[in-house]
Amino acid sequence: MKTYWTTEHYPHAVPIDFYELIKALAYQSNMHLKPERRLTEDAIEKYLKHYTQFGKEVDAYRFYNPNYQHTIDVGIRFSNEGSHYFSPLLKKEVAKKFKLDPLNED
């Protein structure tokens, strides 16, 4: 796997598992459904396709930002170009259901 966000350029970037982030985003998009229908293979596949549309070599990071009370600051980078990243919003209540807190600060 490529590493695009390095500590040299992004000292506060903490690597997280890309697939775990994808599952959390899929789950969040289906919050209106019954709990057993929120995390389906179709939903995961939809998000995988979206976030790998520019290539399969991606990496995911979390930035711990104390100013974010209800969301966590995450990013998915698909190249070294400055603008080549996605920055989806993820609610903290959803993030807590997944392994997205490597520093155990939540």
PDB file of N, CA and C in Angstrom:
ATOM      1  N   MET A   1       0.842  -1.184   0.000  1.00  0.00           N
ATOM      2  CA  MET A   1       0.000   0.000   0.000  1.00  0.00           C
ATOM      3  C   MET A   1       0.883   1.243   0.000  1.00  0.00           C
ATOM      4  N   LYS A   2       0.489   2.214  -0.792  1.00  0.00           N
ATOM      5  CA  LYS A   2       1.193   3.492  -0.837  1.00  0.00           C
ATOM      6  C   LYS A   2       0.930   4.268   0.446  1.00  0.00           C
ATOM      7  N   THR A   3       1.874   5.109   0.793  1.00  0.00           N
ATOM      8  CA  THR A   3       1.685   6.034   1.904  1.00  0.00           C
ATOM      9  C   THR A   3       1.863   7.436   1.351  1.00  0.00           C
ATOM     10  N   TYR A   4       0.767   8.149   1.243  1.00  0.00           N
ATOM     11  CA  TYR A   4       0.811   9.493   0.668  1.00  0.00           C
ATOM     12  C   TYR A   4       0.929  10.571   1.732  1.00  0.00           C
ATOM     13  N   TRP A   5       0.258  10.377   2.861  1.00  0.00           N
ATOM     14  CA  TRP A   5       0.328  11.371   3.922  1.00  0.00           C
ATOM     15  C   TRP A   5       1.437  10.957   4.862  1.00  0.00           C
ATOM     16  N   THR A   6       2.554  11.602   4.751  1.00  0.00           N
ATOM     17  CA  THR A   6       3.687  11.254   5.601  1.00  0.00           C
ATOM     18  C   THR A   6       3.780  12.223   6.766  1.00  0.00           C
ATOM     19  N   THR A   7       4.458  11.814   7.799  1.00  0.00           N
ATOM     20  CA  THR A   7       4.605  12.693   8.958  1.00  0.00           C
ATOM     21  C   THR A   7       5.477  13.898   8.616  1.00  0.00           C
ATOM     22  N   GLU A   8       6.244  13.795   7.557  1.00  0.00           N
ATOM     23  CA  GLU A   8       7.060  14.942   7.133  1.00  0.00           C
ATOM     24  C   GLU A   8       6.178  16.102   6.695  1.00  0.00           C
ATOM     25  N   HIS A   9       5.147  15.815   5.928  1.00  0.00           N
ATOM     26  CA  HIS A   9       4.258  16.858   5.413  1.00  0.00           C
ATOM     27  C   HIS A   9       2.997  17.045   6.245  1.00  0.00           C
ATOM     28  N   TYR A  10       2.558  15.998   6.906  1.00  0.00           N
ATOM     29  CA  TYR A  10       1.340  16.039   7.696  1.00  0.00           C
ATOM     30  C   TYR A  10       1.631  15.429   9.070  1.00  0.00           C
ATOM     31  N   PRO A  11       2.275  16.180   9.952  1.00  0.00           N
ATOM     32  CA  PRO A  11       2.724  15.603  11.229  1.00  0.00           C
ATOM     33  C   PRO A  11       1.592  15.099  12.120  1.00  0.00           C
ATOM     34  N   HIS A  12       0.381  15.545  11.884  1.00  0.00           N
ATOM     35  CA  HIS A  12      -0.724  15.134  12.747  1.00  0.00           C
ATOM     36  C   HIS A  12      -1.574  14.033  12.127  1.00  0.00           C
ATOM     37  N   ALA A  13      -1.172  13.528  10.975  1.00  0.00           N
ATOM     38  CA  ALA A  13      -1.914  12.456  10.318  1.00  0.00           C
ATOM     39  C   ALA A  13      -1.621  11.121  11.009  1.00  0.00           C
ATOM     40  N   VAL A  14      -2.680  10.453  11.420  1.00  0.00           N
ATOM     41  CA  VAL A  14      -2.557   9.148  12.072  1.00  0.00           C
ATOM     42  C   VAL A  14      -3.196   8.120  11.132  1.00  0.00           C
ATOM     43  N   PRO A  15      -2.426   7.161  10.651  1.00  0.00           N
ATOM     44  CA  PRO A  15      -2.981   6.172   9.724  1.00  0.00           C
ATOM     45  C   PRO A  15      -4.104   5.357  10.368  1.00  0.00           C
ATOM     46  N   ILE A  16      -5.145   5.123   9.587  1.00  0.00           N
ATOM     47  CA  ILE A  16      -6.232   4.239  10.001  1.00  0.00           C
ATOM     48  C   ILE A  16      -6.468   3.246   8.870  1.00  0.00           C
ATOM     49  N   ASP A  17      -7.142   2.178   9.171  1.00  0.00           N
ATOM     50  CA  ASP A  17      -7.431   1.155   8.188  1.00  0.00           C
ATOM     51  C   ASP A  17      -8.470   1.665   7.190  1.00  0.00           C
ATOM     52  N   PHE A  18      -8.096   1.677   5.912  1.00  0.00           N
ATOM     53  CA  PHE A  18      -8.977   2.177   4.851  1.00  0.00           C
ATOM     54  C   PHE A  18     -10.299   1.415   4.833  1.00  0.00           C
ATOM     55  N   TYR A  19     -10.232   0.094   4.886  1.00  0.00           N
ATOM     56  CA  TYR A  19     -11.447  -0.711   4.810  1.00  0.00           C
ATOM     57  C   TYR A  19     -12.354  -0.457   6.021  1.00  0.00           C
ATOM     58  N   GLU A  20     -11.777  -0.244   7.183  1.00  0.00           N
ATOM     59  CA  GLU A  20     -12.568   0.056   8.382  1.00  0.00           C
ATOM     60  C   GLU A  20     -13.298   1.392   8.208  1.00  0.00           C
ATOM     61  N   LEU A  21     -12.619   2.363   7.615  1.00  0.00           N
ATOM     62  CA  LEU A  21     -13.251   3.656   7.340  1.00  0.00           C
ATOM     63  C   LEU A  21     -14.381   3.491   6.321  1.00  0.00           C
ATOM     64  N   ILE A  22     -14.166   2.686   5.309  1.00  0.00           N
ATOM     65  CA  ILE A  22     -15.208   2.437   4.307  1.00  0.00           C
ATOM     66  C   ILE A  22     -16.440   1.824   4.965  1.00  0.00           C
ATOM     67  N   LYS A  23     -16.241   0.863   5.848  1.00  0.00           N
ATOM     68  CA  LYS A  23     -17.371   0.247   6.545  1.00  0.00           C
ATOM     69  C   LYS A  23     -18.127   1.283   7.371  1.00  0.00           C
ATOM     70  N   ALA A  24     -17.405   2.168   8.034  1.00  0.00           N
ATOM     71  CA  ALA A  24     -18.055   3.204   8.850  1.00  0.00           C
ATOM     72  C   ALA A  24     -18.863   4.163   7.974  1.00  0.00           C
ATOM     73  N   LEU A  25     -18.311   4.549   6.838  1.00  0.00           N
ATOM     74  CA  LEU A  25     -19.031   5.444   5.937  1.00  0.00           C
ATOM     75  C   LEU A  25     -20.280   4.778   5.373  1.00  0.00           C
ATOM     76  N   ALA A  26     -20.177   3.506   5.029  1.00  0.00           N
ATOM     77  CA  ALA A  26     -21.337   2.765   4.523  1.00  0.00           C
ATOM     78  C   ALA A  26     -22.410   2.663   5.605  1.00  0.00           C
ATOM     79  N   TYR A  27     -21.989   2.350   6.814  1.00  0.00           N
ATOM     80  CA  TYR A  27     -22.912   2.251   7.944  1.00  0.00           C
ATOM     81  C   TYR A  27     -23.627   3.583   8.162  1.00  0.00           C
ATOM     82  N   GLN A  28     -22.862   4.665   8.156  1.00  0.00           N
ATOM     83  CA  GLN A  28     -23.438   5.995   8.387  1.00  0.00           C
ATOM     84  C   GLN A  28     -24.474   6.354   7.324  1.00  0.00           C
ATOM     85  N   SER A  29     -24.205   5.994   6.076  1.00  0.00           N
ATOM     86  CA  SER A  29     -25.143   6.342   4.999  1.00  0.00           C
ATOM     87  C   SER A  29     -26.454   5.588   5.127  1.00  0.00           C
ATOM     88  N   ASN A  30     -26.455   4.516   5.894  1.00  0.00           N
ATOM     89  CA  ASN A  30     -27.661   3.713   6.060  1.00  0.00           C
ATOM     90  C   ASN A  30     -28.266   3.825   7.453  1.00  0.00           C
ATOM     91  N   MET A  31     -27.965   4.893   8.162  1.00  0.00           N
ATOM     92  CA  MET A  31     -28.481   5.073   9.523  1.00  0.00           C
ATOM     93  C   MET A  31     -30.012   5.102   9.561  1.00  0.00           C
ATOM     94  N   HIS A  32     -30.644   5.426   8.455  1.00  0.00           N
ATOM     95  CA  HIS A  32     -32.103   5.488   8.406  1.00  0.00           C
ATOM     96  C   HIS A  32     -32.734   4.085   8.360  1.00  0.00           C
ATOM     97  N   LEU A  33     -31.911   3.073   8.135  1.00  0.00           N
ATOM     98  CA  LEU A  33     -32.399   1.696   8.057  1.00  0.00           C
ATOM     99  C   LEU A  33     -32.324   1.010   9.416  1.00  0.00           C
ATOM    100  N   LYS A  34     -32.953  -0.152   9.513  1.00  0.00           N
ATOM    101  CA  LYS A  34     -32.864  -0.961  10.728  1.00  0.00           C
ATOM    102  C   LYS A  34     -31.403  -1.357  10.922  1.00  0.00           C
ATOM    103  N   PRO A  35     -30.952  -1.504  12.180  1.00  0.00           N
ATOM    104  CA  PRO A  35     -29.533  -1.798  12.442  1.00  0.00           C
ATOM    105  C   PRO A  35     -28.963  -2.970  11.644  1.00  0.00           C
ATOM    106  N   GLU A  36     -29.727  -4.023  11.476  1.00  0.00           N
ATOM    107  CA  GLU A  36     -29.213  -5.189  10.760  1.00  0.00           C
ATOM    108  C   GLU A  36     -29.057  -4.949   9.255  1.00  0.00           C
ATOM    109  N   ARG A  37     -29.588  -3.854   8.727  1.00  0.00           N
ATOM    110  CA  ARG A  37     -29.501  -3.547   7.292  1.00  0.00           C
ATOM    111  C   ARG A  37     -28.510  -2.416   6.991  1.00  0.00           C
ATOM    112  N   ARG A  38     -27.844  -1.891   8.010  1.00  0.00           N
ATOM    113  CA  ARG A  38     -26.975  -0.727   7.822  1.00  0.00           C
ATOM    114  C   ARG A  38     -25.638  -1.048   7.178  1.00  0.00           C
ATOM    115  N   LEU A  39     -25.129  -2.233   7.404  1.00  0.00           N
ATOM    116  CA  LEU A  39     -23.807  -2.564   6.887  1.00  0.00           C
ATOM    117  C   LEU A  39     -23.929  -3.792   5.980  1.00  0.00           C
ATOM    118  N   THR A  40     -24.196  -3.533   4.721  1.00  0.00           N
ATOM    119  CA  THR A  40     -24.368  -4.611   3.754  1.00  0.00           C
ATOM    120  C   THR A  40     -23.185  -4.651   2.799  1.00  0.00           C
ATOM    121  N   GLU A  41     -23.018  -5.772   2.131  1.00  0.00           N
ATOM    122  CA  GLU A  41     -21.947  -5.886   1.141  1.00  0.00           C
ATOM    123  C   GLU A  41     -22.139  -4.886   0.009  1.00  0.00           C
ATOM    124  N   ASP A  42     -23.387  -4.652  -0.402  1.00  0.00           N
ATOM    125  CA  ASP A  42     -23.659  -3.684  -1.468  1.00  0.00           C
ATOM    126  C   ASP A  42     -23.248  -2.270  -1.067  1.00  0.00           C
ATOM    127  N   ALA A  43     -23.551  -1.899   0.166  1.00  0.00           N
ATOM    128  CA  ALA A  43     -23.186  -0.561   0.639  1.00  0.00           C
ATOM    129  C   ALA A  43     -21.670  -0.407   0.711  1.00  0.00           C
ATOM    130  N   ILE A  44     -21.004  -1.428   1.207  1.00  0.00           N
ATOM    131  CA  ILE A  44     -19.540  -1.385   1.288  1.00  0.00           C
ATOM    132  C   ILE A  44     -18.943  -1.280  -0.108  1.00  0.00           C
ATOM    133  N   GLU A  45     -19.458  -2.082  -1.034  1.00  0.00           N
ATOM    134  CA  GLU A  45     -18.959  -2.066  -2.419  1.00  0.00           C
ATOM    135  C   GLU A  45     -19.155  -0.692  -3.064  1.00  0.00           C
ATOM    136  N   LYS A  46     -20.282  -0.066  -2.809  1.00  0.00           N
ATOM    137  CA  LYS A  46     -20.566   1.270  -3.349  1.00  0.00           C
ATOM    138  C   LYS A  46     -19.501   2.271  -2.883  1.00  0.00           C
ATOM    139  N   TYR A  47     -19.179   2.244  -1.604  1.00  0.00           N
ATOM    140  CA  TYR A  47     -18.191   3.170  -1.065  1.00  0.00           C
ATOM    141  C   TYR A  47     -16.775   2.822  -1.517  1.00  0.00           C
ATOM    142  N   LEU A  48     -16.467   1.546  -1.627  1.00  0.00           N
ATOM    143  CA  LEU A  48     -15.160   1.144  -2.154  1.00  0.00           C
ATOM    144  C   LEU A  48     -14.976   1.666  -3.576  1.00  0.00           C
ATOM    145  N   LYS A  49     -16.003   1.507  -4.395  1.00  0.00           N
ATOM    146  CA  LYS A  49     -15.930   1.995  -5.784  1.00  0.00           C
ATOM    147  C   LYS A  49     -15.709   3.505  -5.824  1.00  0.00           C
ATOM    148  N   HIS A  50     -16.452   4.212  -4.999  1.00  0.00           N
ATOM    149  CA  HIS A  50     -16.347   5.670  -5.003  1.00  0.00           C
ATOM    150  C   HIS A  50     -14.945   6.139  -4.600  1.00  0.00           C
ATOM    151  N   TYR A  51     -14.438   5.596  -3.506  1.00  0.00           N
ATOM    152  CA  TYR A  51     -13.165   6.079  -2.981  1.00  0.00           C
ATOM    153  C   TYR A  51     -11.938   5.480  -3.655  1.00  0.00           C
ATOM    154  N   THR A  52     -12.155   4.538  -4.573  1.00  0.00           N
ATOM    155  CA  THR A  52     -11.036   4.017  -5.366  1.00  0.00           C
ATOM    156  C   THR A  52     -11.223   4.324  -6.844  1.00  0.00           C
ATOM    157  N   GLN A  53     -12.067   5.283  -7.162  1.00  0.00           N
ATOM    158  CA  GLN A  53     -12.347   5.610  -8.555  1.00  0.00           C
ATOM    159  C   GLN A  53     -11.123   6.134  -9.307  1.00  0.00           C
ATOM    160  N   PHE A  54     -10.147   6.662  -8.614  1.00  0.00           N
ATOM    161  CA  PHE A  54      -8.942   7.190  -9.265  1.00  0.00           C
ATOM    162  C   PHE A  54      -7.751   6.248  -9.128  1.00  0.00           C
ATOM    163  N   GLY A  55      -7.989   5.083  -8.554  1.00  0.00           N
ATOM    164  CA  GLY A  55      -6.925   4.095  -8.401  1.00  0.00           C
ATOM    165  C   GLY A  55      -7.099   3.298  -7.132  1.00  0.00           C
ATOM    166  N   LYS A  56      -6.554   2.116  -7.134  1.00  0.00           N
ATOM    167  CA  LYS A  56      -6.691   1.210  -5.985  1.00  0.00           C
ATOM    168  C   LYS A  56      -5.694   1.524  -4.877  1.00  0.00           C
ATOM    169  N   GLU A  57      -4.668   2.280  -5.175  1.00  0.00           N
ATOM    170  CA  GLU A  57      -3.660   2.596  -4.163  1.00  0.00           C
ATOM    171  C   GLU A  57      -4.065   3.862  -3.419  1.00  0.00           C
ATOM    172  N   VAL A  58      -4.702   3.662  -2.293  1.00  0.00           N
ATOM    173  CA  VAL A  58      -5.190   4.766  -1.458  1.00  0.00           C
ATOM    174  C   VAL A  58      -4.734   4.521  -0.026  1.00  0.00           C
ATOM    175  N   ASP A  59      -4.750   5.568   0.763  1.00  0.00           N
ATOM    176  CA  ASP A  59      -4.509   5.404   2.188  1.00  0.00           C
ATOM    177  C   ASP A  59      -5.454   6.318   2.956  1.00  0.00           C
ATOM    178  N   ALA A  60      -5.716   5.946   4.201  1.00  0.00           N
ATOM    179  CA  ALA A  60      -6.679   6.677   5.021  1.00  0.00           C
ATOM    180  C   ALA A  60      -6.011   7.136   6.310  1.00  0.00           C
ATOM    181  N   TYR A  61      -6.424   8.305   6.741  1.00  0.00           N
ATOM    182  CA  TYR A  61      -5.845   8.911   7.935  1.00  0.00           C
ATOM    183  C   TYR A  61      -6.911   9.604   8.756  1.00  0.00           C
ATOM    184  N   ARG A  62      -6.580   9.751  10.013  1.00  0.00           N
ATOM    185  CA  ARG A  62      -7.398  10.541  10.923  1.00  0.00           C
ATOM    186  C   ARG A  62      -6.535  11.667  11.464  1.00  0.00           C
ATOM    187  N   PHE A  63      -7.155  12.815  11.615  1.00  0.00           N
ATOM    188  CA  PHE A  63      -6.506  13.969  12.220  1.00  0.00           C
ATOM    189  C   PHE A  63      -7.286  14.270  13.491  1.00  0.00           C
ATOM    190  N   TYR A  64      -6.624  14.223  14.625  1.00  0.00           N
ATOM    191  CA  TYR A  64      -7.292  14.500  15.887  1.00  0.00           C
ATOM    192  C   TYR A  64      -7.420  16.005  16.050  1.00  0.00           C
ATOM    193  N   ASN A  65      -8.639  16.473  16.009  1.00  0.00           N
ATOM    194  CA  ASN A  65      -8.920  17.894  16.074  1.00  0.00           C
ATOM    195  C   ASN A  65      -9.869  18.146  17.247  1.00  0.00           C
ATOM    196  N   PRO A  66      -9.398  18.784  18.316  1.00  0.00           N
ATOM    197  CA  PRO A  66     -10.250  19.001  19.494  1.00  0.00           C
ATOM    198  C   PRO A  66     -11.438  19.917  19.211  1.00  0.00           C
ATOM    199  N   ASN A  67     -11.415  20.652  18.113  1.00  0.00           N
ATOM    200  CA  ASN A  67     -12.520  21.541  17.783  1.00  0.00           C
ATOM    201  C   ASN A  67     -13.713  20.802  17.179  1.00  0.00           C
ATOM    202  N   TYR A  68     -13.520  19.561  16.782  1.00  0.00           N
ATOM    203  CA  TYR A  68     -14.594  18.776  16.190  1.00  0.00           C
ATOM    204  C   TYR A  68     -15.306  18.014  17.305  1.00  0.00           C
ATOM    205  N   GLN A  69     -16.510  18.443  17.640  1.00  0.00           N
ATOM    206  CA  GLN A  69     -17.222  17.821  18.749  1.00  0.00           C
ATOM    207  C   GLN A  69     -18.117  16.663  18.311  1.00  0.00           C
ATOM    208  N   HIS A  70     -18.668  16.739  17.096  1.00  0.00           N
ATOM    209  CA  HIS A  70     -19.639  15.740  16.666  1.00  0.00           C
ATOM    210  C   HIS A  70     -19.177  14.891  15.487  1.00  0.00           C
ATOM    211  N   THR A  71     -18.061  15.259  14.895  1.00  0.00           N
ATOM    212  CA  THR A  71     -17.521  14.496  13.771  1.00  0.00           C
ATOM    213  C   THR A  71     -16.040  14.229  14.018  1.00  0.00           C
ATOM    214  N   ILE A  72     -15.493  13.288  13.250  1.00  0.00           N
ATOM    215  CA  ILE A  72     -14.048  13.098  13.296  1.00  0.00           C
ATOM    216  C   ILE A  72     -13.495  13.547  11.950  1.00  0.00           C
ATOM    217  N   ASP A  73     -12.277  14.013  11.956  1.00  0.00           N
ATOM    218  CA  ASP A  73     -11.597  14.543  10.783  1.00  0.00           C
ATOM    219  C   ASP A  73     -10.811  13.400  10.136  1.00  0.00           C
ATOM    220  N   VAL A  74     -11.276  12.936   8.974  1.00  0.00           N
ATOM    221  CA  VAL A  74     -10.621  11.823   8.277  1.00  0.00           C
ATOM    222  C   VAL A  74     -10.325  12.229   6.839  1.00  0.00           C
ATOM    223  N   GLY A  75      -9.409  11.516   6.234  1.00  0.00           N
ATOM    224  CA  GLY A  75      -9.087  11.770   4.844  1.00  0.00           C
ATOM    225  C   GLY A  75      -8.654  10.499   4.150  1.00  0.00           C
ATOM    226  N   ILE A  76      -8.930  10.462   2.853  1.00  0.00           N
ATOM    227  CA  ILE A  76      -8.504   9.364   1.996  1.00  0.00           C
ATOM    228  C   ILE A  76      -7.718   9.997   0.856  1.00  0.00           C
ATOM    229  N   ARG A  77      -6.450   9.625   0.742  1.00  0.00           N
ATOM    230  CA  ARG A  77      -5.582  10.222  -0.272  1.00  0.00           C
ATOM    231  C   ARG A  77      -5.291   9.189  -1.347  1.00  0.00           C
ATOM    232  N   PHE A  78      -5.353   9.647  -2.630  1.00  0.00           N
ATOM    233  CA  PHE A  78      -5.123   8.726  -3.737  1.00  0.00           C
ATOM    234  C   PHE A  78      -3.937   9.104  -4.605  1.00  0.00           C
ATOM    235  N   SER A  79      -3.157  10.110  -4.219  1.00  0.00           N
ATOM    236  CA  SER A  79      -1.884  10.414  -4.881  1.00  0.00           C
ATOM    237  C   SER A  79      -1.136  11.459  -4.058  1.00  0.00           C
ATOM    238  N   ASN A  80       0.056  11.800  -4.517  1.00  0.00           N
ATOM    239  CA  ASN A  80       0.853  12.807  -3.819  1.00  0.00           C
ATOM    240  C   ASN A  80       0.440  14.233  -4.159  1.00  0.00           C
ATOM    241  N   GLU A  81      -0.372  14.417  -5.190  1.00  0.00           N
ATOM    242  CA  GLU A  81      -0.835  15.757  -5.554  1.00  0.00           C
ATOM    243  C   GLU A  81      -1.607  16.363  -4.382  1.00  0.00           C
ATOM    244  N   GLY A  82      -1.375  17.622  -4.143  1.00  0.00           N
ATOM    245  CA  GLY A  82      -1.983  18.291  -2.992  1.00  0.00           C
ATOM    246  C   GLY A  82      -3.487  18.192  -2.913  1.00  0.00           C
ATOM    247  N   SER A  83      -4.166  18.258  -4.048  1.00  0.00           N
ATOM    248  CA  SER A  83      -5.632  18.252  -4.042  1.00  0.00           C
ATOM    249  C   SER A  83      -6.228  16.860  -4.227  1.00  0.00           C
ATOM    250  N   HIS A  84      -5.411  15.827  -4.259  1.00  0.00           N
ATOM    251  CA  HIS A  84      -5.903  14.479  -4.532  1.00  0.00           C
ATOM    252  C   HIS A  84      -6.254  13.727  -3.252  1.00  0.00           C
ATOM    253  N   TYR A  85      -7.340  14.137  -2.664  1.00  0.00           N
ATOM    254  CA  TYR A  85      -7.824  13.461  -1.463  1.00  0.00           C
ATOM    255  C   TYR A  85      -9.322  13.667  -1.318  1.00  0.00           C
ATOM    256  N   PHE A  86      -9.932  12.793  -0.566  1.00  0.00           N
ATOM    257  CA  PHE A  86     -11.326  12.925  -0.163  1.00  0.00           C
ATOM    258  C   PHE A  86     -11.323  13.220   1.328  1.00  0.00           C
ATOM    259  N   SER A  87     -12.277  14.016   1.769  1.00  0.00           N
ATOM    260  CA  SER A  87     -12.383  14.329   3.186  1.00  0.00           C
ATOM    261  C   SER A  87     -13.841  14.166   3.624  1.00  0.00           C
ATOM    262  N   PRO A  88     -14.285  12.909   3.770  1.00  0.00           N
ATOM    263  CA  PRO A  88     -15.683  12.681   4.137  1.00  0.00           C
ATOM    264  C   PRO A  88     -15.952  13.064   5.591  1.00  0.00           C
ATOM    265  N   LEU A  89     -17.189  13.424   5.877  1.00  0.00           N
ATOM    266  CA  LEU A  89     -17.601  13.704   7.250  1.00  0.00           C
ATOM    267  C   LEU A  89     -18.070  12.405   7.885  1.00  0.00           C
ATOM    268  N   LEU A  90     -17.607  12.162   9.068  1.00  0.00           N
ATOM    269  CA  LEU A  90     -18.011  10.960   9.785  1.00  0.00           C
ATOM    270  C   LEU A  90     -18.400  11.346  11.204  1.00  0.00           C
ATOM    271  N   LYS A  91     -19.615  11.006  11.567  1.00  0.00           N
ATOM    272  CA  LYS A  91     -20.101  11.327  12.904  1.00  0.00           C
ATOM    273  C   LYS A  91     -19.350  10.510  13.946  1.00  0.00           C
ATOM    274  N   LYS A  92     -19.055  11.158  15.077  1.00  0.00           N
ATOM    275  CA  LYS A  92     -18.351  10.457  16.164  1.00  0.00           C
ATOM    276  C   LYS A  92     -19.140   9.253  16.660  1.00  0.00           C
ATOM    277  N   GLU A  93     -20.456   9.387  16.739  1.00  0.00           N
ATOM    278  CA  GLU A  93     -21.277   8.284  17.237  1.00  0.00           C
ATOM    279  C   GLU A  93     -21.136   7.043  16.352  1.00  0.00           C
ATOM    280  N   VAL A  94     -20.943   7.241  15.060  1.00  0.00           N
ATOM    281  CA  VAL A  94     -20.720   6.127  14.140  1.00  0.00           C
ATOM    282  C   VAL A  94     -19.278   5.647  14.254  1.00  0.00           C
ATOM    283  N   ALA A  95     -18.347   6.574  14.274  1.00  0.00           N
ATOM    284  CA  ALA A  95     -16.925   6.222  14.324  1.00  0.00           C
ATOM    285  C   ALA A  95     -16.603   5.334  15.514  1.00  0.00           C
ATOM    286  N   LYS A  96     -17.294   5.541  16.620  1.00  0.00           N
ATOM    287  CA  LYS A  96     -17.035   4.752  17.830  1.00  0.00           C
ATOM    288  C   LYS A  96     -17.384   3.277  17.657  1.00  0.00           C
ATOM    289  N   LYS A  97     -18.171   2.952  16.664  1.00  0.00           N
ATOM    290  CA  LYS A  97     -18.550   1.565  16.406  1.00  0.00           C
ATOM    291  C   LYS A  97     -17.482   0.821  15.606  1.00  0.00           C
ATOM    292  N   PHE A  98     -16.467   1.553  15.133  1.00  0.00           N
ATOM    293  CA  PHE A  98     -15.426   0.988  14.280  1.00  0.00           C
ATOM    294  C   PHE A  98     -14.051   1.308  14.864  1.00  0.00           C
ATOM    295  N   LYS A  99     -13.036   0.646  14.376  1.00  0.00           N
ATOM    296  CA  LYS A  99     -11.687   0.832  14.885  1.00  0.00           C
ATOM    297  C   LYS A  99     -11.020   2.011  14.182  1.00  0.00           C
ATOM    298  N   LEU A 100     -11.417   3.214  14.586  1.00  0.00           N
ATOM    299  CA  LEU A 100     -10.914   4.431  13.949  1.00  0.00           C
ATOM    300  C   LEU A 100     -10.280   5.395  14.937  1.00  0.00           C
ATOM    301  N   ASP A 101      -9.896   4.885  16.094  1.00  0.00           N
ATOM    302  CA  ASP A 101      -9.295   5.710  17.131  1.00  0.00           C
ATOM    303  C   ASP A 101      -7.973   5.084  17.606  1.00  0.00           C
ATOM    304  N   PRO A 102      -6.953   5.077  16.740  1.00  0.00           N
ATOM    305  CA  PRO A 102      -5.705   4.398  17.111  1.00  0.00           C
ATOM    306  C   PRO A 102      -4.992   4.999  18.313  1.00  0.00           C
ATOM    307  N   LEU A 103      -5.273   6.245  18.649  1.00  0.00           N
ATOM    308  CA  LEU A 103      -4.624   6.875  19.800  1.00  0.00           C
ATOM    309  C   LEU A 103      -5.480   6.786  21.072  1.00  0.00           C
ATOM    310  N   ASN A 104      -6.627   6.152  20.973  1.00  0.00           N
ATOM    311  CA  ASN A 104      -7.553   5.998  22.109  1.00  0.00           C
ATOM    312  C   ASN A 104      -7.871   7.325  22.783  1.00  0.00           C
ATOM    313  N   GLU A 105      -8.264   8.300  21.995  1.00  0.00           N
ATOM    314  CA  GLU A 105      -8.583   9.619  22.548  1.00  0.00           C
ATOM    315  C   GLU A 105     -10.078   9.925  22.574  1.00  0.00           C
ATOM    316  N   ASP A 106     -10.876   9.050  22.014  1.00  0.00           N
ATOM    317  CA  ASP A 106     -12.339   9.302  22.018  1.00  0.00           C
ATOM    318  C   ASP A 106     -12.970   8.809  23.310  1.00  0.00           C
TER     319      ASP A 106
END
